[in-house]
Amino acid sequence: MPWSKLRLSSVVHLMRNLVLRCAGTALVLMALVSGCNKLGLGSHQGPSKQLPTPQQLKGIAYMSQAPGAQGRQVYDHLEQAKSCHDLEIAMRWNRPADIKSGPFNQKMTYVASGLPPNLSKSAEVFVTGVIKAGQSMASGGSVWSLRLQDGSEVQAVEAPEYTEKQEESQQAGGHATMMHPYTAGRLLCAYGVYQGNIGMALDQHGHVPLVSVIFAMDRRK
């Protein structure tokens, strides 16, 4: 079965359930600040010991902030991020890795190298990887093969509903999230839900971890 035609009905079904679960919101990060528990932006309970450093935060001072839950300042327009690095810093401030938060009351797992071996199915992840291949699907969604820092591979799939929401927000005047999303060598940074080791490897030999993408950006770095 060709890599780009991998059967993804179960993934699309999950993504549609997520859309329904967060009905009434745009389900892109710039719109999530007004619905679906804001993706948990600023809503975590208790102090975090894994927040970005002051120096890291200084580097993303150009990104706008607004009061979140309990008055805590959060980055409310994450699409402003100029790089995947900057987006991750903002996400780590909004969703500290050691605090349960978000619409599913889970801890966010930040992935740049291989996914943790004990990562549970349906875990929330923020993954950054180099695009090895990518293309739009006949359904209207997108699929990518990403290479992580340790050389491992992840397949990322974005259902049509999420692709459309991002396009609508951009057309309404929002900052560009997708610029050259299928260009090999660029970085893709994506928030999504881990589906298990059920993705199709780019060389079609075996399976790789699969992430159902809710929001994604492509950047040079």
N, C-alpha and C. Protein backbone atom coordinates (compact mmCIF):
# COMPACT_ATOMS: atom_id res chain seq x y z
N MET A 1 0.85 -1.19 0.00
CA MET A 1 0.00 0.00 0.00
C MET A 1 0.88 1.24 0.00
N PRO A 2 0.73 2.18 -0.94
CA PRO A 2 1.56 3.37 -0.99
C PRO A 2 1.48 4.14 0.32
N TRP A 3 2.62 4.75 0.69
CA TRP A 3 2.69 5.51 1.94
C TRP A 3 1.61 6.57 2.00
N SER A 4 1.40 7.30 0.91
CA SER A 4 0.46 8.42 0.91
C SER A 4 -0.99 7.97 0.89
N LYS A 5 -1.24 6.67 0.67
CA LYS A 5 -2.61 6.18 0.62
C LYS A 5 -2.92 5.25 1.78
N LEU A 6 -2.11 5.35 2.83
CA LEU A 6 -2.35 4.53 4.02
C LEU A 6 -3.77 4.75 4.51
N ARG A 7 -4.45 3.66 4.86
CA ARG A 7 -5.82 3.76 5.35
C ARG A 7 -5.84 4.49 6.68
N LEU A 8 -6.55 5.62 6.75
CA LEU A 8 -6.53 6.47 7.93
C LEU A 8 -7.92 6.73 8.47
N SER A 9 -8.86 5.87 8.20
CA SER A 9 -10.24 6.10 8.62
C SER A 9 -10.37 6.22 10.13
N SER A 10 -9.62 5.39 10.88
CA SER A 10 -9.71 5.45 12.33
C SER A 10 -9.16 6.75 12.86
N VAL A 11 -8.09 7.26 12.23
CA VAL A 11 -7.52 8.52 12.66
C VAL A 11 -8.48 9.67 12.38
N VAL A 12 -9.04 9.68 11.17
CA VAL A 12 -9.98 10.73 10.81
C VAL A 12 -11.19 10.70 11.73
N HIS A 13 -11.65 9.50 12.10
CA HIS A 13 -12.78 9.37 13.01
C HIS A 13 -12.45 10.01 14.36
N LEU A 14 -11.24 9.77 14.87
CA LEU A 14 -10.84 10.36 16.13
C LEU A 14 -10.82 11.88 16.01
N MET A 15 -10.25 12.39 14.92
CA MET A 15 -10.15 13.83 14.77
C MET A 15 -11.52 14.48 14.72
N ARG A 16 -12.47 13.81 14.07
CA ARG A 16 -13.82 14.38 14.02
C ARG A 16 -14.46 14.38 15.40
N ASN A 17 -14.14 13.37 16.20
CA ASN A 17 -14.64 13.36 17.58
C ASN A 17 -14.07 14.54 18.36
N LEU A 18 -12.79 14.86 18.09
CA LEU A 18 -12.18 15.99 18.76
C LEU A 18 -12.84 17.30 18.34
N VAL A 19 -13.20 17.39 17.05
CA VAL A 19 -13.89 18.58 16.57
C VAL A 19 -15.20 18.76 17.32
N LEU A 20 -15.96 17.67 17.44
CA LEU A 20 -17.24 17.73 18.15
C LEU A 20 -17.04 18.07 19.61
N ARG A 21 -15.98 17.51 20.19
CA ARG A 21 -15.72 17.74 21.60
C ARG A 21 -15.41 19.20 21.87
N CYS A 22 -14.85 19.85 20.89
CA CYS A 22 -14.50 21.27 21.03
C CYS A 22 -15.36 22.12 20.11
N ALA A 23 -16.60 21.73 19.92
CA ALA A 23 -17.51 22.45 19.02
C ALA A 23 -17.60 23.91 19.41
N GLY A 24 -17.64 24.76 18.34
CA GLY A 24 -17.77 26.19 18.56
C GLY A 24 -16.45 26.93 18.58
N THR A 25 -15.35 26.20 18.46
CA THR A 25 -14.05 26.86 18.43
C THR A 25 -13.38 26.58 17.10
N ALA A 26 -12.35 27.34 16.79
CA ALA A 26 -11.65 27.19 15.52
C ALA A 26 -10.65 26.05 15.56
N LEU A 27 -10.28 25.63 16.78
CA LEU A 27 -9.32 24.54 16.95
C LEU A 27 -8.01 24.78 16.21
N VAL A 28 -7.64 26.02 16.19
CA VAL A 28 -6.26 26.36 15.88
C VAL A 28 -5.79 27.19 17.05
N LEU A 29 -4.50 27.25 17.28
CA LEU A 29 -4.04 27.80 18.54
C LEU A 29 -4.41 29.26 18.71
N MET A 30 -4.50 30.04 17.62
CA MET A 30 -4.84 31.43 17.79
C MET A 30 -6.30 31.60 18.15
N ALA A 31 -7.14 30.61 17.82
CA ALA A 31 -8.55 30.71 18.16
C ALA A 31 -8.88 29.97 19.44
N LEU A 32 -8.04 29.05 19.83
CA LEU A 32 -8.32 28.25 21.01
C LEU A 32 -8.28 29.05 22.30
N VAL A 33 -7.77 30.26 22.27
CA VAL A 33 -7.76 31.06 23.48
C VAL A 33 -9.16 31.49 23.87
N SER A 34 -10.15 31.25 23.02
CA SER A 34 -11.51 31.67 23.34
C SER A 34 -12.47 30.50 23.46
N GLY A 35 -11.96 29.27 23.47
CA GLY A 35 -12.87 28.14 23.57
C GLY A 35 -12.15 26.85 23.88
N CYS A 36 -12.95 25.81 24.17
CA CYS A 36 -12.43 24.47 24.44
C CYS A 36 -11.35 24.50 25.52
N ASN A 37 -11.62 25.27 26.59
CA ASN A 37 -10.68 25.38 27.70
C ASN A 37 -9.33 25.91 27.23
N LYS A 38 -9.35 26.63 26.09
CA LYS A 38 -8.18 27.31 25.56
C LYS A 38 -6.99 26.39 25.36
N LEU A 39 -7.25 25.16 25.08
CA LEU A 39 -6.17 24.18 24.98
C LEU A 39 -5.41 24.14 26.29
N GLY A 40 -6.06 24.59 27.34
CA GLY A 40 -5.41 24.61 28.64
C GLY A 40 -4.47 25.78 28.81
N LEU A 41 -4.52 26.79 27.95
CA LEU A 41 -3.58 27.88 28.03
C LEU A 41 -3.73 28.62 29.36
N GLY A 42 -2.73 28.49 30.22
CA GLY A 42 -2.74 29.19 31.48
C GLY A 42 -3.67 28.58 32.51
N SER A 43 -4.28 27.45 32.24
CA SER A 43 -5.27 26.90 33.16
C SER A 43 -4.69 25.82 34.06
N HIS A 44 -3.37 25.63 34.04
CA HIS A 44 -2.79 24.57 34.87
C HIS A 44 -2.90 24.94 36.34
N GLN A 45 -2.92 23.94 37.19
CA GLN A 45 -3.06 24.15 38.62
C GLN A 45 -1.72 23.92 39.32
N GLY A 46 -1.40 24.80 40.25
CA GLY A 46 -0.18 24.65 41.01
C GLY A 46 1.03 25.17 40.25
N PRO A 47 2.14 25.37 40.94
CA PRO A 47 3.36 25.88 40.31
C PRO A 47 4.06 24.82 39.47
N SER A 48 4.69 25.27 38.41
CA SER A 48 5.46 24.36 37.55
C SER A 48 6.94 24.54 37.81
N LYS A 49 7.67 23.45 37.71
CA LYS A 49 9.12 23.48 37.85
C LYS A 49 9.82 23.36 36.50
N GLN A 50 9.03 23.39 35.41
CA GLN A 50 9.61 23.20 34.09
C GLN A 50 9.23 24.32 33.13
N LEU A 51 9.16 25.53 33.63
CA LEU A 51 8.85 26.68 32.79
C LEU A 51 10.10 27.11 32.01
N PRO A 52 9.92 27.78 30.87
CA PRO A 52 11.08 28.32 30.14
C PRO A 52 11.84 29.32 31.00
N THR A 53 13.11 29.49 30.69
CA THR A 53 13.94 30.42 31.44
C THR A 53 13.61 31.87 31.05
N PRO A 54 13.94 32.83 31.91
CA PRO A 54 13.72 34.24 31.55
C PRO A 54 14.39 34.61 30.23
N GLN A 55 15.58 34.05 29.98
CA GLN A 55 16.27 34.35 28.73
C GLN A 55 15.48 33.82 27.53
N GLN A 56 14.93 32.62 27.65
CA GLN A 56 14.11 32.06 26.57
C GLN A 56 12.87 32.91 26.34
N LEU A 57 12.24 33.34 27.41
CA LEU A 57 11.04 34.17 27.29
C LEU A 57 11.36 35.52 26.67
N LYS A 58 12.53 36.05 26.97
CA LYS A 58 12.94 37.32 26.38
C LYS A 58 13.03 37.19 24.86
N GLY A 59 13.42 36.01 24.39
CA GLY A 59 13.56 35.80 22.96
C GLY A 59 12.24 35.77 22.21
N ILE A 60 11.12 35.60 22.93
CA ILE A 60 9.81 35.60 22.26
C ILE A 60 8.95 36.76 22.75
N ALA A 61 9.63 37.83 23.17
CA ALA A 61 8.90 39.00 23.67
C ALA A 61 8.05 39.65 22.59
N TYR A 62 8.34 39.36 21.32
CA TYR A 62 7.54 39.93 20.23
C TYR A 62 6.15 39.32 20.13
N MET A 63 5.92 38.18 20.77
CA MET A 63 4.62 37.52 20.71
C MET A 63 3.67 38.13 21.74
N SER A 64 2.42 38.30 21.35
CA SER A 64 1.46 38.96 22.22
C SER A 64 1.01 38.05 23.35
N GLN A 65 0.62 38.69 24.46
CA GLN A 65 0.11 37.98 25.62
C GLN A 65 -1.21 38.59 26.08
N ALA A 66 -1.95 37.80 26.83
CA ALA A 66 -3.22 38.24 27.38
C ALA A 66 -3.47 37.46 28.65
N PRO A 67 -4.29 37.98 29.56
CA PRO A 67 -4.59 37.25 30.80
C PRO A 67 -5.31 35.94 30.49
N GLY A 68 -4.82 34.87 31.09
CA GLY A 68 -5.48 33.57 30.95
C GLY A 68 -6.25 33.25 32.20
N ALA A 69 -6.37 31.97 32.49
CA ALA A 69 -7.08 31.54 33.69
C ALA A 69 -6.38 32.10 34.93
N GLN A 70 -7.17 32.57 35.89
CA GLN A 70 -6.67 33.11 37.15
C GLN A 70 -5.74 34.30 36.94
N GLY A 71 -5.89 34.96 35.79
CA GLY A 71 -5.11 36.16 35.53
C GLY A 71 -3.69 35.93 35.07
N ARG A 72 -3.27 34.70 34.92
CA ARG A 72 -1.90 34.39 34.49
C ARG A 72 -1.73 34.75 33.02
N GLN A 73 -0.69 35.51 32.70
CA GLN A 73 -0.43 35.91 31.32
C GLN A 73 -0.06 34.68 30.48
N VAL A 74 -0.65 34.58 29.29
CA VAL A 74 -0.33 33.49 28.37
C VAL A 74 -0.14 34.07 26.97
N TYR A 75 0.53 33.33 26.13
CA TYR A 75 0.70 33.73 24.73
C TYR A 75 -0.58 33.37 23.99
N ASP A 76 -1.28 34.40 23.51
CA ASP A 76 -2.62 34.20 22.97
C ASP A 76 -2.67 34.15 21.46
N HIS A 77 -1.55 34.41 20.79
CA HIS A 77 -1.50 34.31 19.32
C HIS A 77 -0.25 33.53 18.94
N LEU A 78 -0.30 32.25 19.15
CA LEU A 78 0.87 31.42 18.92
C LEU A 78 1.27 31.34 17.45
N GLU A 79 0.35 31.69 16.58
CA GLU A 79 0.68 31.69 15.15
C GLU A 79 1.69 32.79 14.82
N GLN A 80 1.96 33.69 15.75
CA GLN A 80 2.96 34.74 15.54
C GLN A 80 4.38 34.19 15.59
N ALA A 81 4.55 32.98 16.08
CA ALA A 81 5.90 32.42 16.25
C ALA A 81 6.67 32.42 14.93
N LYS A 82 7.89 32.93 14.97
CA LYS A 82 8.71 33.01 13.77
C LYS A 82 9.45 31.71 13.49
N SER A 83 9.53 30.86 14.49
CA SER A 83 10.23 29.59 14.33
C SER A 83 9.56 28.53 15.18
N CYS A 84 9.84 27.27 14.87
CA CYS A 84 9.32 26.19 15.70
C CYS A 84 9.89 26.27 17.11
N HIS A 85 11.12 26.73 17.23
CA HIS A 85 11.74 26.91 18.54
C HIS A 85 10.93 27.90 19.37
N ASP A 86 10.58 29.03 18.78
CA ASP A 86 9.80 30.04 19.50
C ASP A 86 8.42 29.53 19.86
N LEU A 87 7.81 28.78 18.95
CA LEU A 87 6.49 28.23 19.23
C LEU A 87 6.57 27.27 20.42
N GLU A 88 7.61 26.46 20.47
CA GLU A 88 7.73 25.51 21.58
C GLU A 88 7.93 26.23 22.91
N ILE A 89 8.71 27.31 22.91
CA ILE A 89 8.91 28.07 24.15
C ILE A 89 7.57 28.62 24.64
N ALA A 90 6.79 29.18 23.72
CA ALA A 90 5.48 29.72 24.10
C ALA A 90 4.56 28.62 24.60
N MET A 91 4.59 27.48 23.92
CA MET A 91 3.76 26.36 24.35
C MET A 91 4.18 25.86 25.72
N ARG A 92 5.49 25.80 25.97
CA ARG A 92 5.96 25.32 27.27
C ARG A 92 5.57 26.28 28.40
N TRP A 93 5.43 27.56 28.07
CA TRP A 93 4.93 28.52 29.06
C TRP A 93 3.43 28.30 29.29
N ASN A 94 2.70 28.17 28.21
CA ASN A 94 1.25 27.98 28.32
C ASN A 94 0.88 26.61 28.85
N ARG A 95 1.64 25.60 28.46
CA ARG A 95 1.36 24.22 28.85
C ARG A 95 2.63 23.58 29.41
N PRO A 96 3.01 23.90 30.66
CA PRO A 96 4.22 23.30 31.24
C PRO A 96 4.14 21.78 31.19
N ALA A 97 5.29 21.16 30.91
CA ALA A 97 5.31 19.71 30.70
C ALA A 97 4.99 18.91 31.96
N ASP A 98 5.13 19.52 33.13
CA ASP A 98 4.92 18.77 34.37
C ASP A 98 3.55 19.00 35.01
N ILE A 99 2.66 19.69 34.28
CA ILE A 99 1.34 20.02 34.84
C ILE A 99 0.23 19.50 33.92
N LYS A 100 -0.74 18.82 34.47
CA LYS A 100 -1.90 18.40 33.69
C LYS A 100 -2.74 19.62 33.34
N SER A 101 -3.20 19.68 32.10
CA SER A 101 -3.95 20.84 31.65
C SER A 101 -4.66 20.49 30.35
N GLY A 102 -5.19 21.49 29.67
CA GLY A 102 -5.79 21.28 28.36
C GLY A 102 -7.16 20.66 28.39
N PRO A 103 -7.76 20.46 27.22
CA PRO A 103 -9.12 19.94 27.14
C PRO A 103 -9.25 18.51 27.63
N PHE A 104 -8.13 17.78 27.73
CA PHE A 104 -8.18 16.38 28.16
C PHE A 104 -7.53 16.17 29.52
N ASN A 105 -7.15 17.29 30.18
CA ASN A 105 -6.52 17.23 31.50
C ASN A 105 -5.34 16.27 31.51
N GLN A 106 -4.42 16.47 30.57
CA GLN A 106 -3.23 15.64 30.46
C GLN A 106 -1.98 16.52 30.52
N LYS A 107 -0.85 15.87 30.76
CA LYS A 107 0.42 16.55 30.63
C LYS A 107 0.82 16.55 29.14
N MET A 108 1.39 17.63 28.71
CA MET A 108 1.88 17.72 27.33
C MET A 108 3.27 17.08 27.25
N THR A 109 3.46 16.21 26.26
CA THR A 109 4.76 15.59 26.03
C THR A 109 5.43 16.30 24.86
N TYR A 110 6.58 16.89 25.10
CA TYR A 110 7.31 17.61 24.05
C TYR A 110 8.35 16.68 23.44
N VAL A 111 8.28 16.51 22.14
CA VAL A 111 9.09 15.51 21.46
C VAL A 111 9.94 16.16 20.37
N ALA A 112 11.25 16.00 20.49
CA ALA A 112 12.18 16.41 19.43
C ALA A 112 13.01 15.22 18.98
N SER A 113 13.29 14.31 19.91
CA SER A 113 13.93 13.04 19.57
C SER A 113 12.86 11.95 19.59
N GLY A 114 13.25 10.71 19.79
CA GLY A 114 12.27 9.63 19.74
C GLY A 114 11.17 9.78 20.78
N LEU A 115 9.99 9.31 20.46
CA LEU A 115 8.89 9.34 21.42
C LEU A 115 9.20 8.43 22.59
N PRO A 116 8.82 8.81 23.80
CA PRO A 116 9.06 7.95 24.96
C PRO A 116 8.46 6.57 24.75
N PRO A 117 9.17 5.50 25.10
CA PRO A 117 8.67 4.14 24.85
C PRO A 117 7.39 3.81 25.62
N ASN A 118 7.18 4.50 26.73
CA ASN A 118 5.99 4.23 27.54
C ASN A 118 4.87 5.22 27.30
N LEU A 119 4.95 5.98 26.22
CA LEU A 119 3.92 6.98 25.92
C LEU A 119 2.59 6.29 25.67
N SER A 120 1.57 6.72 26.38
CA SER A 120 0.26 6.08 26.25
C SER A 120 -0.48 6.58 25.02
N LYS A 121 -1.30 5.70 24.47
CA LYS A 121 -2.12 6.07 23.33
C LYS A 121 -3.07 7.19 23.74
N SER A 122 -3.28 8.13 22.85
CA SER A 122 -4.14 9.30 23.06
C SER A 122 -3.46 10.36 23.92
N ALA A 123 -2.15 10.23 24.16
CA ALA A 123 -1.42 11.27 24.87
C ALA A 123 -1.30 12.51 23.99
N GLU A 124 -1.33 13.68 24.63
CA GLU A 124 -1.13 14.93 23.90
C GLU A 124 0.37 15.14 23.69
N VAL A 125 0.74 15.49 22.47
CA VAL A 125 2.16 15.68 22.16
C VAL A 125 2.36 16.96 21.36
N PHE A 126 3.55 17.52 21.53
CA PHE A 126 4.01 18.60 20.67
C PHE A 126 5.30 18.10 20.04
N VAL A 127 5.26 17.85 18.75
CA VAL A 127 6.38 17.22 18.08
C VAL A 127 6.98 18.16 17.04
N THR A 128 8.31 18.17 16.97
CA THR A 128 9.03 18.96 15.99
C THR A 128 9.97 18.05 15.22
N GLY A 129 9.87 18.08 13.90
CA GLY A 129 10.73 17.23 13.09
C GLY A 129 10.96 17.81 11.71
N VAL A 130 12.00 17.33 11.07
CA VAL A 130 12.33 17.75 9.71
C VAL A 130 11.42 17.01 8.72
N ILE A 131 10.84 17.73 7.80
CA ILE A 131 9.96 17.12 6.80
C ILE A 131 10.80 16.30 5.81
N LYS A 132 10.54 15.01 5.75
CA LYS A 132 11.17 14.15 4.75
C LYS A 132 10.29 14.07 3.51
N ALA A 133 8.99 14.04 3.73
CA ALA A 133 8.02 14.02 2.63
C ALA A 133 6.69 14.48 3.18
N GLY A 134 5.87 15.04 2.32
CA GLY A 134 4.55 15.47 2.74
C GLY A 134 3.69 15.80 1.54
N GLN A 135 2.40 15.63 1.71
CA GLN A 135 1.48 15.97 0.63
C GLN A 135 0.05 16.02 1.14
N SER A 136 -0.80 16.66 0.36
CA SER A 136 -2.21 16.68 0.70
C SER A 136 -2.83 15.35 0.32
N MET A 137 -3.88 14.97 1.05
CA MET A 137 -4.58 13.72 0.77
C MET A 137 -5.83 14.02 -0.04
N ALA A 138 -6.34 12.99 -0.68
CA ALA A 138 -7.55 13.15 -1.48
C ALA A 138 -8.71 13.65 -0.62
N SER A 139 -8.68 13.34 0.67
CA SER A 139 -9.74 13.76 1.58
C SER A 139 -9.69 15.25 1.88
N GLY A 140 -8.56 15.88 1.58
CA GLY A 140 -8.39 17.29 1.88
C GLY A 140 -7.46 17.55 3.04
N GLY A 141 -7.08 16.51 3.77
CA GLY A 141 -6.14 16.65 4.87
C GLY A 141 -4.71 16.59 4.36
N SER A 142 -3.79 16.42 5.29
CA SER A 142 -2.37 16.38 4.94
C SER A 142 -1.69 15.23 5.68
N VAL A 143 -0.60 14.76 5.11
CA VAL A 143 0.19 13.69 5.74
C VAL A 143 1.67 14.01 5.54
N TRP A 144 2.45 13.77 6.59
CA TRP A 144 3.88 14.04 6.55
C TRP A 144 4.67 12.88 7.13
N SER A 145 5.89 12.72 6.63
CA SER A 145 6.89 11.87 7.26
C SER A 145 7.92 12.82 7.85
N LEU A 146 8.14 12.72 9.18
CA LEU A 146 9.07 13.60 9.87
C LEU A 146 10.26 12.83 10.41
N ARG A 147 11.44 13.43 10.32
CA ARG A 147 12.64 12.84 10.92
C ARG A 147 12.97 13.63 12.18
N LEU A 148 13.06 12.94 13.31
CA LEU A 148 13.37 13.58 14.56
C LEU A 148 14.88 13.68 14.75
N GLN A 149 15.31 14.34 15.80
CA GLN A 149 16.74 14.60 16.01
C GLN A 149 17.56 13.33 16.14
N ASP A 150 16.96 12.27 16.67
CA ASP A 150 17.70 11.01 16.84
C ASP A 150 17.65 10.14 15.60
N GLY A 151 17.06 10.66 14.52
CA GLY A 151 16.98 9.91 13.28
C GLY A 151 15.73 9.07 13.14
N SER A 152 14.93 8.98 14.20
CA SER A 152 13.70 8.18 14.13
C SER A 152 12.65 8.90 13.29
N GLU A 153 11.64 8.15 12.89
CA GLU A 153 10.62 8.66 11.98
C GLU A 153 9.25 8.68 12.65
N VAL A 154 8.48 9.70 12.34
CA VAL A 154 7.11 9.83 12.82
C VAL A 154 6.23 10.20 11.64
N GLN A 155 5.05 9.60 11.57
CA GLN A 155 4.09 10.02 10.56
C GLN A 155 3.06 10.93 11.23
N ALA A 156 2.79 12.06 10.62
CA ALA A 156 1.82 13.02 11.14
C ALA A 156 0.70 13.20 10.12
N VAL A 157 -0.52 13.16 10.61
CA VAL A 157 -1.70 13.26 9.73
C VAL A 157 -2.62 14.33 10.26
N GLU A 158 -3.01 15.25 9.39
CA GLU A 158 -3.96 16.30 9.76
C GLU A 158 -5.25 16.08 8.99
N ALA A 159 -6.36 15.90 9.72
CA ALA A 159 -7.66 15.68 9.09
C ALA A 159 -8.15 16.95 8.41
N PRO A 160 -9.03 16.82 7.41
CA PRO A 160 -9.50 17.99 6.65
C PRO A 160 -10.07 19.09 7.51
N GLU A 161 -10.79 18.73 8.58
CA GLU A 161 -11.42 19.75 9.41
C GLU A 161 -10.40 20.72 10.00
N TYR A 162 -9.25 20.21 10.39
CA TYR A 162 -8.24 21.04 11.01
C TYR A 162 -7.49 21.86 9.97
N THR A 163 -7.24 21.28 8.82
CA THR A 163 -6.61 22.02 7.73
C THR A 163 -7.48 23.20 7.34
N GLU A 164 -8.77 22.97 7.22
CA GLU A 164 -9.71 24.03 6.83
C GLU A 164 -9.76 25.15 7.86
N LYS A 165 -9.74 24.79 9.15
CA LYS A 165 -9.80 25.80 10.20
C LYS A 165 -8.57 26.70 10.16
N GLN A 166 -7.41 26.12 9.94
CA GLN A 166 -6.20 26.93 9.86
C GLN A 166 -6.25 27.85 8.65
N GLU A 167 -6.72 27.34 7.52
CA GLU A 167 -6.81 28.16 6.31
C GLU A 167 -7.80 29.30 6.51
N GLU A 168 -8.92 29.03 7.17
CA GLU A 168 -9.92 30.07 7.42
C GLU A 168 -9.35 31.18 8.29
N SER A 169 -8.63 30.81 9.31
CA SER A 169 -8.03 31.80 10.21
C SER A 169 -7.01 32.65 9.48
N GLN A 170 -6.22 32.03 8.63
CA GLN A 170 -5.21 32.78 7.87
C GLN A 170 -5.87 33.73 6.89
N GLN A 171 -6.91 33.27 6.23
CA GLN A 171 -7.62 34.12 5.29
C GLN A 171 -8.31 35.30 5.97
N ALA A 172 -8.62 35.12 7.25
CA ALA A 172 -9.28 36.18 8.01
C ALA A 172 -8.29 37.21 8.53
N GLY A 173 -7.04 37.06 8.16
CA GLY A 173 -6.05 38.05 8.54
C GLY A 173 -5.03 37.57 9.55
N GLY A 174 -5.10 36.31 9.94
CA GLY A 174 -4.14 35.77 10.89
C GLY A 174 -2.78 35.55 10.25
N HIS A 175 -1.76 35.39 11.09
CA HIS A 175 -0.42 35.12 10.58
C HIS A 175 -0.39 33.76 9.89
N ALA A 176 0.48 33.64 8.91
CA ALA A 176 0.58 32.39 8.17
C ALA A 176 1.14 31.29 9.05
N THR A 177 0.44 30.18 9.10
CA THR A 177 0.93 29.01 9.82
C THR A 177 1.63 28.06 8.86
N MET A 178 1.01 27.81 7.73
CA MET A 178 1.60 26.95 6.70
C MET A 178 2.12 27.81 5.56
N MET A 179 3.40 27.66 5.27
CA MET A 179 4.04 28.45 4.22
C MET A 179 4.49 27.57 3.06
N HIS A 180 5.30 26.56 3.37
CA HIS A 180 5.74 25.58 2.37
C HIS A 180 5.67 24.21 3.04
N PRO A 181 4.48 23.75 3.39
CA PRO A 181 4.34 22.58 4.27
C PRO A 181 4.80 21.26 3.71
N TYR A 182 5.00 21.16 2.41
CA TYR A 182 5.40 19.87 1.84
C TYR A 182 6.82 19.90 1.30
N THR A 183 7.58 20.92 1.69
CA THR A 183 8.95 21.06 1.21
C THR A 183 9.91 20.32 2.13
N ALA A 184 10.58 19.34 1.57
CA ALA A 184 11.54 18.55 2.36
C ALA A 184 12.64 19.45 2.92
N GLY A 185 13.01 19.20 4.16
CA GLY A 185 14.08 19.96 4.79
C GLY A 185 13.58 21.04 5.73
N ARG A 186 12.33 21.46 5.58
CA ARG A 186 11.77 22.44 6.51
C ARG A 186 11.34 21.73 7.79
N LEU A 187 11.14 22.49 8.84
CA LEU A 187 10.66 21.93 10.10
C LEU A 187 9.14 22.00 10.15
N LEU A 188 8.55 20.96 10.70
CA LEU A 188 7.12 20.97 11.01
C LEU A 188 7.01 20.83 12.52
N CYS A 189 6.29 21.75 13.13
CA CYS A 189 6.01 21.66 14.57
C CYS A 189 4.51 21.52 14.72
N ALA A 190 4.09 20.51 15.46
CA ALA A 190 2.67 20.17 15.48
C ALA A 190 2.21 19.75 16.86
N TYR A 191 1.03 20.23 17.22
CA TYR A 191 0.35 19.76 18.42
C TYR A 191 -0.66 18.72 17.97
N GLY A 192 -0.73 17.59 18.68
CA GLY A 192 -1.68 16.56 18.29
C GLY A 192 -1.83 15.47 19.33
N VAL A 193 -2.37 14.36 18.89
CA VAL A 193 -2.67 13.22 19.77
C VAL A 193 -1.95 11.99 19.24
N TYR A 194 -1.20 11.34 20.11
CA TYR A 194 -0.45 10.14 19.74
C TYR A 194 -1.42 8.97 19.54
N GLN A 195 -1.25 8.24 18.43
CA GLN A 195 -2.16 7.15 18.09
C GLN A 195 -1.54 5.76 18.22
N GLY A 196 -0.28 5.71 18.58
CA GLY A 196 0.38 4.42 18.67
C GLY A 196 1.31 4.18 17.50
N ASN A 197 1.93 3.03 17.46
CA ASN A 197 2.89 2.69 16.42
C ASN A 197 2.16 2.09 15.21
N ILE A 198 1.30 2.89 14.61
CA ILE A 198 0.46 2.40 13.52
C ILE A 198 0.65 3.18 12.22
N GLY A 199 1.60 4.12 12.19
CA GLY A 199 1.85 4.86 10.97
C GLY A 199 2.65 4.04 9.98
N MET A 200 2.60 4.42 8.72
CA MET A 200 3.35 3.73 7.68
C MET A 200 4.69 4.41 7.46
N ALA A 201 5.79 3.66 7.56
CA ALA A 201 7.11 4.22 7.30
C ALA A 201 7.20 4.70 5.86
N LEU A 202 8.02 5.71 5.65
CA LEU A 202 8.15 6.28 4.31
C LEU A 202 8.62 5.24 3.30
N ASP A 203 9.52 4.34 3.73
CA ASP A 203 9.99 3.31 2.81
C ASP A 203 9.06 2.11 2.73
N GLN A 204 7.91 2.21 3.44
CA GLN A 204 6.87 1.17 3.45
C GLN A 204 7.34 -0.13 4.10
N HIS A 205 8.41 -0.06 4.85
CA HIS A 205 8.90 -1.25 5.57
C HIS A 205 8.64 -1.05 7.06
N GLY A 206 7.57 -1.59 7.53
CA GLY A 206 7.25 -1.49 8.94
C GLY A 206 6.40 -0.28 9.28
N HIS A 207 6.17 -0.13 10.60
CA HIS A 207 5.33 0.94 11.09
C HIS A 207 6.13 1.90 11.96
N VAL A 208 5.62 3.12 12.06
CA VAL A 208 6.24 4.17 12.86
C VAL A 208 5.16 4.83 13.71
N PRO A 209 5.55 5.59 14.73
CA PRO A 209 4.56 6.30 15.54
C PRO A 209 3.72 7.24 14.67
N LEU A 210 2.44 7.31 15.00
CA LEU A 210 1.51 8.16 14.25
C LEU A 210 0.93 9.22 15.18
N VAL A 211 0.93 10.47 14.72
CA VAL A 211 0.35 11.58 15.47
C VAL A 211 -0.78 12.19 14.66
N SER A 212 -1.96 12.28 15.27
CA SER A 212 -3.09 12.97 14.66
C SER A 212 -2.96 14.45 14.97
N VAL A 213 -2.74 15.25 13.96
CA VAL A 213 -2.41 16.67 14.14
C VAL A 213 -3.67 17.51 14.31
N ILE A 214 -3.65 18.37 15.34
CA ILE A 214 -4.71 19.34 15.55
C ILE A 214 -4.30 20.72 15.04
N PHE A 215 -3.02 21.03 15.20
CA PHE A 215 -2.50 22.31 14.74
C PHE A 215 -1.05 22.12 14.33
N ALA A 216 -0.66 22.72 13.21
CA ALA A 216 0.72 22.57 12.75
C ALA A 216 1.22 23.86 12.11
N MET A 217 2.53 24.04 12.14
CA MET A 217 3.20 25.14 11.45
C MET A 217 4.44 24.59 10.77
N ASP A 218 4.80 25.17 9.63
CA ASP A 218 6.10 24.82 9.04
C ASP A 218 6.96 26.08 9.03
N ARG A 219 8.21 25.90 9.38
CA ARG A 219 9.16 27.01 9.46
C ARG A 219 10.54 26.55 8.99
N ARG A 220 11.43 27.50 8.72
CA ARG A 220 12.78 27.15 8.31
C ARG A 220 13.58 26.56 9.45
N LYS A 221 13.28 27.01 10.68
CA LYS A 221 14.04 26.53 11.84
C LYS A 221 13.16 26.51 13.07
